[in-house]
Amino acid sequence: YQRRVRGCLFAYNTKKFKLVNYEMLNLSSGTTQVAIISILEVVESEHKGKKIFFITTHLKAKTGFEETRYEQAQEIFEDIKSNEEIDSLPIVFSGDLNDVASSLTCSHIASQGFQNPYEKYPLGDNETLWTTYKIRPKVNEQTGQSEMVPSHRQIDYIWVRGDLQPVGLLSIPHEFLKSEIGLPCENYPSDHLCIGVQFTFK
């Protein structure tokens, strides 16, 4: 792809799916952000012939760009409205949204009828789901000194809408990572944790 973009990849198993349609959407409210929009058809299993609509993206990063990320999400949904099959196919929307679950961006996605399977992920008391873990500078209000403190947030998502039923979630090693000094680390070479959802047709 010729344009310099933020990391964004859509891959599929060619033994199980056939690519029906594909689009790379340049998001105008950012400089390096894109969305990959695809339709796959099942070629193997009892669901042969059924199609799934996929959207994956990597939205604008950094604090202060909440409105930009919201605009980018809106732009994606405006684009897919033109697809004649959009209302008849199940949709999987995934990516690094660089925003928390309570953000305008995630609220907008949920308002489009999407469900987040990880909302029901089993967590311990007073624990929240997170997919990135970094050590950030923060000013101590009592001493006025800058300190390095851990920052946990969920910014990666898999959303689903339509005739798909989640049947499995990839586990997230929160307890193990609490002993680490942030991401990336020796055992996890990315600053994001991998998430995954196993679906079946309803």
N, C-alpha and C. Protein backbone atom coordinates (compact mmCIF):
# COMPACT_ATOMS: atom_id res chain seq x y z
N TYR A 1 0.85 -1.19 0.00
CA TYR A 1 0.00 0.00 0.00
C TYR A 1 0.89 1.24 0.00
N GLN A 2 0.62 2.21 -0.89
CA GLN A 2 1.53 3.33 -1.12
C GLN A 2 1.51 4.38 -0.01
N ARG A 3 0.37 4.58 0.61
CA ARG A 3 0.26 5.64 1.60
C ARG A 3 0.85 5.19 2.94
N ARG A 4 1.59 6.08 3.58
CA ARG A 4 2.15 5.78 4.90
C ARG A 4 1.01 5.75 5.91
N VAL A 5 0.82 4.60 6.55
CA VAL A 5 -0.33 4.45 7.44
C VAL A 5 0.10 3.86 8.78
N ARG A 6 -0.79 4.01 9.77
CA ARG A 6 -0.62 3.33 11.04
C ARG A 6 -0.82 1.84 10.82
N GLY A 7 -0.21 1.02 11.67
CA GLY A 7 -0.29 -0.42 11.50
C GLY A 7 -1.72 -0.93 11.44
N CYS A 8 -2.07 -1.62 10.37
CA CYS A 8 -3.43 -2.12 10.19
C CYS A 8 -3.36 -3.32 9.26
N LEU A 9 -3.84 -4.48 9.71
CA LEU A 9 -3.74 -5.71 8.93
C LEU A 9 -5.04 -6.48 9.01
N PHE A 10 -5.49 -7.00 7.87
CA PHE A 10 -6.62 -7.92 7.85
C PHE A 10 -6.14 -9.20 7.15
N ALA A 11 -6.17 -10.32 7.87
CA ALA A 11 -5.72 -11.59 7.31
C ALA A 11 -6.81 -12.64 7.51
N TYR A 12 -6.86 -13.61 6.61
CA TYR A 12 -7.89 -14.65 6.74
C TYR A 12 -7.35 -15.97 6.19
N ASN A 13 -7.99 -17.06 6.58
CA ASN A 13 -7.60 -18.41 6.17
C ASN A 13 -8.23 -18.70 4.81
N THR A 14 -7.39 -18.81 3.78
CA THR A 14 -7.90 -19.00 2.42
C THR A 14 -8.50 -20.39 2.20
N LYS A 15 -8.27 -21.31 3.12
CA LYS A 15 -8.89 -22.63 3.02
C LYS A 15 -10.33 -22.62 3.54
N LYS A 16 -10.66 -21.60 4.32
CA LYS A 16 -11.99 -21.53 4.91
C LYS A 16 -12.85 -20.39 4.36
N PHE A 17 -12.18 -19.36 3.80
CA PHE A 17 -12.90 -18.18 3.33
C PHE A 17 -12.44 -17.77 1.94
N LYS A 18 -13.34 -17.11 1.23
CA LYS A 18 -13.03 -16.50 -0.06
C LYS A 18 -13.29 -15.01 0.04
N LEU A 19 -12.35 -14.20 -0.45
CA LEU A 19 -12.51 -12.74 -0.44
C LEU A 19 -13.50 -12.34 -1.53
N VAL A 20 -14.59 -11.69 -1.12
CA VAL A 20 -15.63 -11.26 -2.05
C VAL A 20 -15.45 -9.79 -2.42
N ASN A 21 -15.09 -8.98 -1.43
CA ASN A 21 -14.97 -7.54 -1.66
C ASN A 21 -13.94 -6.97 -0.69
N TYR A 22 -13.27 -5.90 -1.11
CA TYR A 22 -12.21 -5.33 -0.29
C TYR A 22 -12.09 -3.83 -0.58
N GLU A 23 -11.91 -3.04 0.47
CA GLU A 23 -11.73 -1.60 0.31
C GLU A 23 -10.77 -1.09 1.37
N MET A 24 -9.86 -0.22 0.98
CA MET A 24 -8.99 0.49 1.92
C MET A 24 -9.50 1.92 2.01
N LEU A 25 -10.06 2.29 3.14
CA LEU A 25 -10.64 3.62 3.33
C LEU A 25 -9.63 4.53 4.02
N ASN A 26 -9.23 5.60 3.33
CA ASN A 26 -8.39 6.62 3.95
C ASN A 26 -9.26 7.54 4.78
N LEU A 27 -8.99 7.61 6.07
CA LEU A 27 -9.81 8.43 6.95
C LEU A 27 -9.37 9.89 6.85
N SER A 28 -10.26 10.73 6.40
CA SER A 28 -9.90 12.12 6.11
C SER A 28 -9.62 12.94 7.35
N SER A 29 -10.14 12.53 8.50
CA SER A 29 -9.93 13.30 9.73
C SER A 29 -8.60 12.95 10.40
N GLY A 30 -7.79 12.13 9.75
CA GLY A 30 -6.45 11.83 10.25
C GLY A 30 -5.46 11.88 9.10
N THR A 31 -4.19 11.74 9.41
CA THR A 31 -3.18 11.81 8.36
C THR A 31 -2.64 10.43 7.97
N THR A 32 -2.67 9.49 8.89
CA THR A 32 -2.11 8.16 8.60
C THR A 32 -3.06 7.03 8.98
N GLN A 33 -4.33 7.34 9.22
CA GLN A 33 -5.27 6.31 9.67
C GLN A 33 -6.09 5.78 8.49
N VAL A 34 -6.34 4.48 8.54
CA VAL A 34 -7.14 3.83 7.51
C VAL A 34 -8.11 2.85 8.16
N ALA A 35 -9.06 2.40 7.36
CA ALA A 35 -9.91 1.27 7.74
C ALA A 35 -9.89 0.28 6.58
N ILE A 36 -9.76 -1.00 6.90
CA ILE A 36 -9.83 -2.05 5.89
C ILE A 36 -11.21 -2.69 5.99
N ILE A 37 -11.95 -2.65 4.90
CA ILE A 37 -13.33 -3.12 4.88
C ILE A 37 -13.43 -4.28 3.89
N SER A 38 -13.88 -5.43 4.36
CA SER A 38 -13.87 -6.64 3.53
C SER A 38 -15.14 -7.45 3.73
N ILE A 39 -15.46 -8.24 2.72
CA ILE A 39 -16.52 -9.23 2.83
C ILE A 39 -15.91 -10.59 2.49
N LEU A 40 -16.07 -11.56 3.39
CA LEU A 40 -15.59 -12.91 3.16
C LEU A 40 -16.77 -13.86 3.03
N GLU A 41 -16.59 -14.88 2.20
CA GLU A 41 -17.60 -15.93 2.04
C GLU A 41 -17.02 -17.25 2.55
N VAL A 42 -17.81 -17.96 3.34
CA VAL A 42 -17.38 -19.25 3.87
C VAL A 42 -17.34 -20.27 2.73
N VAL A 43 -16.21 -20.98 2.59
CA VAL A 43 -16.09 -21.97 1.52
C VAL A 43 -15.98 -23.39 2.08
N GLU A 44 -15.91 -23.50 3.40
CA GLU A 44 -15.79 -24.80 4.04
C GLU A 44 -16.68 -24.85 5.26
N SER A 45 -17.23 -26.00 5.60
CA SER A 45 -18.12 -26.24 6.74
C SER A 45 -19.57 -26.20 6.31
N GLU A 46 -20.45 -26.50 7.27
CA GLU A 46 -21.88 -26.54 6.98
C GLU A 46 -22.45 -25.16 6.67
N HIS A 47 -21.66 -24.12 6.90
CA HIS A 47 -22.11 -22.75 6.63
C HIS A 47 -21.61 -22.24 5.29
N LYS A 48 -21.20 -23.13 4.43
CA LYS A 48 -20.66 -22.76 3.12
C LYS A 48 -21.63 -21.83 2.38
N GLY A 49 -21.08 -20.75 1.83
CA GLY A 49 -21.88 -19.78 1.09
C GLY A 49 -22.30 -18.57 1.91
N LYS A 50 -22.23 -18.67 3.24
CA LYS A 50 -22.59 -17.53 4.06
C LYS A 50 -21.47 -16.49 4.03
N LYS A 51 -21.84 -15.22 4.19
CA LYS A 51 -20.88 -14.13 4.12
C LYS A 51 -20.80 -13.39 5.45
N ILE A 52 -19.63 -12.80 5.69
CA ILE A 52 -19.40 -11.98 6.88
C ILE A 52 -18.71 -10.69 6.45
N PHE A 53 -19.18 -9.59 6.99
CA PHE A 53 -18.64 -8.26 6.72
C PHE A 53 -17.61 -7.95 7.81
N PHE A 54 -16.39 -7.59 7.42
CA PHE A 54 -15.33 -7.30 8.38
C PHE A 54 -14.84 -5.85 8.22
N ILE A 55 -14.63 -5.21 9.37
CA ILE A 55 -14.03 -3.88 9.40
C ILE A 55 -12.89 -3.93 10.41
N THR A 56 -11.71 -3.50 10.02
CA THR A 56 -10.63 -3.36 10.99
C THR A 56 -9.96 -2.00 10.79
N THR A 57 -9.54 -1.38 11.89
CA THR A 57 -8.99 -0.03 11.80
C THR A 57 -8.00 0.24 12.91
N HIS A 58 -7.29 1.34 12.79
CA HIS A 58 -6.34 1.81 13.79
C HIS A 58 -6.52 3.32 13.87
N LEU A 59 -7.26 3.75 14.89
CA LEU A 59 -7.64 5.16 14.97
C LEU A 59 -6.53 6.02 15.59
N LYS A 60 -6.71 7.32 15.46
CA LYS A 60 -5.74 8.31 15.92
C LYS A 60 -5.39 8.11 17.40
N ALA A 61 -4.11 8.13 17.70
CA ALA A 61 -3.64 7.92 19.06
C ALA A 61 -3.50 9.25 19.81
N LYS A 62 -3.19 9.13 21.08
CA LYS A 62 -2.81 10.23 21.98
C LYS A 62 -4.03 10.94 22.61
N THR A 63 -3.79 11.39 23.83
CA THR A 63 -4.76 12.20 24.55
C THR A 63 -4.99 13.51 23.80
N GLY A 64 -6.23 13.98 23.79
CA GLY A 64 -6.55 15.23 23.10
C GLY A 64 -7.16 15.02 21.73
N PHE A 65 -7.20 13.76 21.28
CA PHE A 65 -7.75 13.47 19.96
C PHE A 65 -9.03 12.63 20.04
N GLU A 66 -9.72 12.74 21.17
CA GLU A 66 -10.96 11.97 21.34
C GLU A 66 -11.98 12.32 20.27
N GLU A 67 -12.13 13.59 19.95
CA GLU A 67 -13.09 14.02 18.94
C GLU A 67 -12.68 13.51 17.55
N THR A 68 -11.39 13.48 17.28
CA THR A 68 -10.91 12.97 15.99
C THR A 68 -11.26 11.50 15.83
N ARG A 69 -11.05 10.72 16.88
CA ARG A 69 -11.37 9.29 16.82
C ARG A 69 -12.87 9.08 16.61
N TYR A 70 -13.66 9.89 17.26
CA TYR A 70 -15.11 9.82 17.09
C TYR A 70 -15.50 10.13 15.64
N GLU A 71 -14.89 11.14 15.06
CA GLU A 71 -15.16 11.51 13.67
C GLU A 71 -14.72 10.39 12.72
N GLN A 72 -13.60 9.74 13.03
CA GLN A 72 -13.13 8.65 12.19
C GLN A 72 -14.10 7.46 12.22
N ALA A 73 -14.62 7.15 13.40
CA ALA A 73 -15.61 6.07 13.50
C ALA A 73 -16.87 6.41 12.72
N GLN A 74 -17.31 7.66 12.82
CA GLN A 74 -18.48 8.09 12.06
C GLN A 74 -18.23 7.96 10.55
N GLU A 75 -17.02 8.31 10.12
CA GLU A 75 -16.68 8.24 8.71
C GLU A 75 -16.74 6.80 8.19
N ILE A 76 -16.28 5.86 9.01
CA ILE A 76 -16.33 4.44 8.62
C ILE A 76 -17.78 4.00 8.42
N PHE A 77 -18.65 4.36 9.34
CA PHE A 77 -20.04 3.93 9.23
C PHE A 77 -20.76 4.62 8.07
N GLU A 78 -20.39 5.85 7.79
CA GLU A 78 -20.97 6.53 6.63
C GLU A 78 -20.56 5.82 5.34
N ASP A 79 -19.31 5.36 5.29
CA ASP A 79 -18.82 4.69 4.09
C ASP A 79 -19.52 3.36 3.85
N ILE A 80 -19.72 2.57 4.89
CA ILE A 80 -20.28 1.23 4.67
C ILE A 80 -21.79 1.28 4.40
N LYS A 81 -22.43 2.42 4.67
CA LYS A 81 -23.86 2.53 4.36
C LYS A 81 -24.15 2.33 2.88
N SER A 82 -23.16 2.62 2.04
CA SER A 82 -23.37 2.53 0.60
C SER A 82 -23.34 1.08 0.10
N ASN A 83 -22.91 0.15 0.96
CA ASN A 83 -22.86 -1.25 0.56
C ASN A 83 -24.26 -1.86 0.65
N GLU A 84 -24.72 -2.45 -0.43
CA GLU A 84 -26.08 -2.98 -0.49
C GLU A 84 -26.31 -4.14 0.47
N GLU A 85 -25.23 -4.83 0.88
CA GLU A 85 -25.38 -6.01 1.74
C GLU A 85 -25.23 -5.69 3.22
N ILE A 86 -25.00 -4.43 3.56
CA ILE A 86 -24.64 -4.08 4.93
C ILE A 86 -25.71 -4.48 5.95
N ASP A 87 -26.97 -4.41 5.58
CA ASP A 87 -28.04 -4.72 6.54
C ASP A 87 -28.37 -6.20 6.61
N SER A 88 -27.86 -6.99 5.66
CA SER A 88 -28.20 -8.41 5.63
C SER A 88 -27.09 -9.32 6.13
N LEU A 89 -25.89 -8.77 6.35
CA LEU A 89 -24.75 -9.60 6.75
C LEU A 89 -24.34 -9.33 8.20
N PRO A 90 -23.85 -10.37 8.88
CA PRO A 90 -23.23 -10.12 10.20
C PRO A 90 -21.95 -9.33 10.00
N ILE A 91 -21.60 -8.52 10.99
CA ILE A 91 -20.43 -7.65 10.88
C ILE A 91 -19.52 -7.85 12.09
N VAL A 92 -18.22 -7.93 11.82
CA VAL A 92 -17.20 -7.93 12.88
C VAL A 92 -16.37 -6.66 12.71
N PHE A 93 -16.33 -5.84 13.75
CA PHE A 93 -15.59 -4.58 13.75
C PHE A 93 -14.48 -4.71 14.79
N SER A 94 -13.23 -4.61 14.34
CA SER A 94 -12.12 -4.80 15.28
C SER A 94 -11.04 -3.76 15.05
N GLY A 95 -10.17 -3.62 16.04
CA GLY A 95 -9.04 -2.74 15.83
C GLY A 95 -8.54 -2.08 17.10
N ASP A 96 -7.48 -1.31 16.91
CA ASP A 96 -6.91 -0.46 17.96
C ASP A 96 -7.62 0.89 17.86
N LEU A 97 -8.58 1.10 18.75
CA LEU A 97 -9.36 2.34 18.70
C LEU A 97 -8.72 3.46 19.52
N ASN A 98 -7.69 3.13 20.29
CA ASN A 98 -6.98 4.14 21.10
C ASN A 98 -7.92 4.92 22.00
N ASP A 99 -8.97 4.27 22.47
CA ASP A 99 -9.95 4.94 23.33
C ASP A 99 -10.56 3.93 24.30
N VAL A 100 -11.02 4.44 25.44
CA VAL A 100 -11.60 3.58 26.48
C VAL A 100 -13.06 3.28 26.17
N ALA A 101 -13.61 2.29 26.88
CA ALA A 101 -14.97 1.81 26.60
C ALA A 101 -16.04 2.88 26.80
N SER A 102 -15.77 3.88 27.66
CA SER A 102 -16.75 4.93 27.93
C SER A 102 -16.63 6.11 26.97
N SER A 103 -15.76 6.02 25.98
CA SER A 103 -15.51 7.14 25.07
C SER A 103 -16.65 7.36 24.09
N LEU A 104 -16.63 8.51 23.42
CA LEU A 104 -17.60 8.81 22.37
C LEU A 104 -17.51 7.78 21.24
N THR A 105 -16.28 7.39 20.92
CA THR A 105 -16.08 6.44 19.82
C THR A 105 -16.75 5.11 20.11
N CYS A 106 -16.47 4.53 21.27
CA CYS A 106 -17.06 3.23 21.62
C CYS A 106 -18.57 3.34 21.81
N SER A 107 -19.03 4.44 22.37
CA SER A 107 -20.48 4.64 22.53
C SER A 107 -21.16 4.70 21.17
N HIS A 108 -20.49 5.32 20.20
CA HIS A 108 -21.06 5.42 18.86
C HIS A 108 -21.15 4.04 18.22
N ILE A 109 -20.11 3.23 18.37
CA ILE A 109 -20.13 1.88 17.81
C ILE A 109 -21.26 1.06 18.45
N ALA A 110 -21.38 1.15 19.77
CA ALA A 110 -22.44 0.41 20.46
C ALA A 110 -23.82 0.87 20.00
N SER A 111 -23.96 2.16 19.68
CA SER A 111 -25.25 2.69 19.24
C SER A 111 -25.66 2.16 17.87
N GLN A 112 -24.70 1.59 17.14
CA GLN A 112 -24.98 1.01 15.83
C GLN A 112 -25.42 -0.46 15.94
N GLY A 113 -25.64 -0.92 17.16
CA GLY A 113 -26.12 -2.28 17.38
C GLY A 113 -25.04 -3.31 17.62
N PHE A 114 -23.80 -2.87 17.86
CA PHE A 114 -22.69 -3.80 18.08
C PHE A 114 -22.59 -4.20 19.55
N GLN A 115 -22.16 -5.45 19.77
CA GLN A 115 -21.90 -5.96 21.10
C GLN A 115 -20.41 -6.27 21.24
N ASN A 116 -19.88 -6.04 22.43
CA ASN A 116 -18.48 -6.33 22.73
C ASN A 116 -18.41 -7.60 23.57
N PRO A 117 -18.01 -8.75 23.00
CA PRO A 117 -17.99 -10.00 23.77
C PRO A 117 -17.13 -9.94 25.02
N TYR A 118 -16.10 -9.10 25.01
CA TYR A 118 -15.22 -9.01 26.17
C TYR A 118 -15.85 -8.26 27.35
N GLU A 119 -17.02 -7.67 27.16
CA GLU A 119 -17.71 -7.05 28.29
C GLU A 119 -18.03 -8.07 29.37
N LYS A 120 -18.15 -9.34 28.97
CA LYS A 120 -18.48 -10.41 29.92
C LYS A 120 -17.26 -11.23 30.30
N TYR A 121 -16.06 -10.71 29.99
CA TYR A 121 -14.84 -11.43 30.32
C TYR A 121 -14.72 -11.54 31.84
N PRO A 122 -14.45 -12.75 32.37
CA PRO A 122 -14.37 -12.93 33.83
C PRO A 122 -13.16 -12.22 34.43
N LEU A 123 -13.42 -11.34 35.38
CA LEU A 123 -12.36 -10.56 36.02
C LEU A 123 -12.50 -10.67 37.54
N GLY A 124 -11.40 -10.41 38.24
CA GLY A 124 -11.44 -10.43 39.69
C GLY A 124 -12.11 -9.18 40.26
N ASP A 125 -12.25 -9.16 41.56
CA ASP A 125 -12.86 -8.01 42.23
C ASP A 125 -12.05 -6.74 41.95
N ASN A 126 -12.75 -5.66 41.70
CA ASN A 126 -12.15 -4.35 41.46
C ASN A 126 -11.18 -4.35 40.29
N GLU A 127 -11.32 -5.30 39.38
CA GLU A 127 -10.46 -5.38 38.21
C GLU A 127 -11.25 -4.94 36.99
N THR A 128 -10.57 -4.30 36.06
CA THR A 128 -11.19 -3.93 34.79
C THR A 128 -10.34 -4.50 33.66
N LEU A 129 -10.98 -4.73 32.55
CA LEU A 129 -10.29 -5.29 31.40
C LEU A 129 -9.30 -4.28 30.83
N TRP A 130 -8.10 -4.71 30.51
CA TRP A 130 -7.15 -3.83 29.84
C TRP A 130 -6.35 -4.60 28.80
N THR A 131 -5.97 -3.88 27.73
CA THR A 131 -5.23 -4.51 26.64
C THR A 131 -3.88 -3.83 26.39
N THR A 132 -3.58 -2.81 27.14
CA THR A 132 -2.26 -2.19 27.06
C THR A 132 -1.82 -1.80 28.47
N TYR A 133 -0.52 -1.89 28.73
CA TYR A 133 0.01 -1.70 30.07
C TYR A 133 1.36 -0.99 29.91
N LYS A 134 1.38 0.28 30.29
CA LYS A 134 2.60 1.07 30.11
C LYS A 134 2.94 1.79 31.41
N ILE A 135 4.19 2.18 31.50
CA ILE A 135 4.64 2.99 32.63
C ILE A 135 4.73 4.43 32.16
N ARG A 136 3.91 5.29 32.78
CA ARG A 136 3.80 6.68 32.33
C ARG A 136 4.22 7.65 33.44
N PRO A 137 4.77 8.81 33.07
CA PRO A 137 5.07 9.84 34.08
C PRO A 137 3.78 10.50 34.57
N LYS A 138 3.68 10.70 35.88
CA LYS A 138 2.52 11.36 36.47
C LYS A 138 2.98 12.18 37.67
N VAL A 139 2.44 13.39 37.79
CA VAL A 139 2.82 14.27 38.89
C VAL A 139 2.10 13.86 40.17
N ASN A 140 2.87 13.62 41.22
CA ASN A 140 2.30 13.31 42.53
C ASN A 140 1.72 14.58 43.12
N GLU A 141 0.41 14.59 43.39
CA GLU A 141 -0.27 15.81 43.86
C GLU A 141 0.24 16.26 45.22
N GLN A 142 0.76 15.33 46.02
CA GLN A 142 1.22 15.69 47.36
C GLN A 142 2.64 16.26 47.34
N THR A 143 3.49 15.66 46.51
CA THR A 143 4.88 16.10 46.51
C THR A 143 5.20 17.04 45.35
N GLY A 144 4.37 17.04 44.32
CA GLY A 144 4.64 17.86 43.15
C GLY A 144 5.71 17.28 42.24
N GLN A 145 6.20 16.09 42.59
CA GLN A 145 7.25 15.44 41.81
C GLN A 145 6.65 14.50 40.77
N SER A 146 7.35 14.37 39.66
CA SER A 146 6.92 13.44 38.62
C SER A 146 7.36 12.03 38.97
N GLU A 147 6.42 11.10 38.88
CA GLU A 147 6.71 9.70 39.17
C GLU A 147 6.28 8.83 37.99
N MET A 148 6.95 7.69 37.86
CA MET A 148 6.57 6.73 36.83
C MET A 148 5.58 5.74 37.43
N VAL A 149 4.37 5.70 36.88
CA VAL A 149 3.32 4.84 37.43
C VAL A 149 2.72 3.98 36.32
N PRO A 150 2.21 2.79 36.69
CA PRO A 150 1.60 1.92 35.68
C PRO A 150 0.28 2.48 35.18
N SER A 151 0.03 2.31 33.90
CA SER A 151 -1.20 2.76 33.28
C SER A 151 -1.82 1.59 32.51
N HIS A 152 -3.00 1.15 32.93
CA HIS A 152 -3.70 0.05 32.28
C HIS A 152 -4.95 0.60 31.59
N ARG A 153 -5.16 0.24 30.33
CA ARG A 153 -6.38 0.68 29.64
C ARG A 153 -6.80 -0.36 28.60
N GLN A 154 -8.07 -0.43 28.36
CA GLN A 154 -8.55 -1.20 27.21
C GLN A 154 -8.71 -0.24 26.04
N ILE A 155 -7.96 -0.49 24.97
CA ILE A 155 -8.08 0.35 23.77
C ILE A 155 -8.23 -0.49 22.50
N ASP A 156 -8.19 -1.83 22.67
CA ASP A 156 -8.34 -2.75 21.54
C ASP A 156 -9.66 -3.50 21.69
N TYR A 157 -10.37 -3.67 20.58
CA TYR A 157 -11.73 -4.19 20.66
C TYR A 157 -12.06 -5.13 19.51
N ILE A 158 -13.00 -6.02 19.77
CA ILE A 158 -13.68 -6.79 18.74
C ILE A 158 -15.17 -6.66 19.02
N TRP A 159 -15.87 -6.06 18.08
CA TRP A 159 -17.31 -5.85 18.20
C TRP A 159 -18.03 -6.74 17.18
N VAL A 160 -19.26 -7.14 17.49
CA VAL A 160 -20.00 -7.99 16.56
C VAL A 160 -21.46 -7.55 16.49
N ARG A 161 -22.02 -7.68 15.29
CA ARG A 161 -23.44 -7.37 15.10
C ARG A 161 -24.04 -8.38 14.13
N GLY A 162 -25.23 -8.81 14.41
CA GLY A 162 -25.91 -9.70 13.48
C GLY A 162 -25.86 -11.16 13.87
N ASP A 163 -25.89 -12.03 12.86
CA ASP A 163 -26.11 -13.46 13.03
C ASP A 163 -24.85 -14.23 13.40
N LEU A 164 -24.10 -13.72 14.40
CA LEU A 164 -22.92 -14.41 14.89
C LEU A 164 -23.01 -14.54 16.41
N GLN A 165 -22.62 -15.70 16.92
CA GLN A 165 -22.67 -15.97 18.36
C GLN A 165 -21.27 -16.23 18.88
N PRO A 166 -20.75 -15.39 19.81
CA PRO A 166 -19.43 -15.66 20.40
C PRO A 166 -19.48 -16.95 21.22
N VAL A 167 -18.50 -17.83 21.01
CA VAL A 167 -18.44 -19.09 21.75
C VAL A 167 -17.12 -19.25 22.49
N GLY A 168 -16.19 -18.33 22.31
CA GLY A 168 -14.91 -18.42 23.01
C GLY A 168 -14.14 -17.12 22.94
N LEU A 169 -13.39 -16.83 24.02
CA LEU A 169 -12.56 -15.63 24.09
C LEU A 169 -11.11 -16.02 24.38
N LEU A 170 -10.18 -15.36 23.72
CA LEU A 170 -8.77 -15.56 24.03
C LEU A 170 -8.48 -14.95 25.40
N SER A 171 -7.84 -15.73 26.28
CA SER A 171 -7.59 -15.24 27.64
C SER A 171 -6.55 -14.14 27.64
N ILE A 172 -6.65 -13.27 28.63
CA ILE A 172 -5.72 -12.15 28.79
C ILE A 172 -4.94 -12.35 30.08
N PRO A 173 -3.60 -12.40 30.02
CA PRO A 173 -2.77 -12.78 31.18
C PRO A 173 -2.55 -11.64 32.17
N HIS A 174 -3.63 -11.06 32.69
CA HIS A 174 -3.50 -9.92 33.59
C HIS A 174 -2.64 -10.23 34.82
N GLU A 175 -2.92 -11.35 35.48
CA GLU A 175 -2.23 -11.66 36.73
C GLU A 175 -0.73 -11.78 36.52
N PHE A 176 -0.34 -12.46 35.43
CA PHE A 176 1.08 -12.60 35.14
C PHE A 176 1.73 -11.25 34.88
N LEU A 177 1.04 -10.41 34.12
CA LEU A 177 1.64 -9.14 33.71
C LEU A 177 1.77 -8.14 34.84
N LYS A 178 1.03 -8.35 35.94
CA LYS A 178 1.17 -7.45 37.08
C LYS A 178 2.57 -7.51 37.67
N SER A 179 3.29 -8.59 37.40
CA SER A 179 4.65 -8.72 37.91
C SER A 179 5.68 -8.15 36.95
N GLU A 180 5.23 -7.72 35.79
CA GLU A 180 6.13 -7.15 34.80
C GLU A 180 6.24 -5.63 34.98
N ILE A 181 7.08 -5.01 34.18
CA ILE A 181 7.31 -3.56 34.31
C ILE A 181 6.68 -2.81 33.14
N GLY A 182 5.60 -3.38 32.60
CA GLY A 182 4.93 -2.74 31.48
C GLY A 182 5.14 -3.51 30.19
N LEU A 183 4.51 -3.03 29.16
CA LEU A 183 4.64 -3.64 27.83
C LEU A 183 5.32 -2.65 26.88
N PRO A 184 6.15 -3.16 25.95
CA PRO A 184 6.52 -4.57 25.77
C PRO A 184 7.46 -5.06 26.86
N CYS A 185 7.54 -6.39 26.98
CA CYS A 185 8.44 -7.01 27.94
C CYS A 185 9.01 -8.28 27.31
N GLU A 186 9.78 -9.03 28.07
CA GLU A 186 10.47 -10.19 27.51
C GLU A 186 9.49 -11.23 26.95
N ASN A 187 8.38 -11.44 27.65
CA ASN A 187 7.43 -12.47 27.24
C ASN A 187 6.37 -11.97 26.27
N TYR A 188 6.17 -10.64 26.21
CA TYR A 188 5.15 -10.06 25.33
C TYR A 188 5.78 -8.89 24.58
N PRO A 189 6.19 -9.11 23.33
CA PRO A 189 7.00 -8.12 22.61
C PRO A 189 6.22 -6.95 22.00
N SER A 190 4.98 -6.78 22.37
CA SER A 190 4.18 -5.66 21.87
C SER A 190 3.68 -4.83 23.05
N ASP A 191 3.32 -3.58 22.78
CA ASP A 191 2.73 -2.76 23.84
C ASP A 191 1.22 -2.98 23.94
N HIS A 192 0.70 -3.93 23.14
CA HIS A 192 -0.70 -4.31 23.21
C HIS A 192 -0.80 -5.82 23.43
N LEU A 193 -1.85 -6.24 24.12
CA LEU A 193 -2.13 -7.65 24.27
C LEU A 193 -3.03 -8.12 23.14
N CYS A 194 -2.85 -9.37 22.75
CA CYS A 194 -3.69 -9.94 21.70
C CYS A 194 -5.04 -10.34 22.27
N ILE A 195 -6.11 -10.00 21.57
CA ILE A 195 -7.44 -10.46 21.95
C ILE A 195 -8.01 -11.25 20.77
N GLY A 196 -8.96 -12.11 21.04
CA GLY A 196 -9.54 -12.93 19.98
C GLY A 196 -10.89 -13.47 20.39
N VAL A 197 -11.77 -13.59 19.44
CA VAL A 197 -13.11 -14.13 19.69
C VAL A 197 -13.40 -15.23 18.68
N GLN A 198 -13.89 -16.36 19.18
CA GLN A 198 -14.34 -17.44 18.31
C GLN A 198 -15.85 -17.34 18.14
N PHE A 199 -16.31 -17.31 16.89
CA PHE A 199 -17.72 -17.13 16.60
C PHE A 199 -18.28 -18.37 15.90
N THR A 200 -19.59 -18.53 16.01
CA THR A 200 -20.32 -19.46 15.17
C THR A 200 -21.57 -18.75 14.68
N PHE A 201 -22.14 -19.20 13.60
CA PHE A 201 -23.39 -18.63 13.13
C PHE A 201 -24.52 -19.06 14.06
N LYS A 202 -25.43 -18.17 14.34
CA LYS A 202 -26.58 -18.50 15.18
C LYS A 202 -27.52 -19.46 14.46
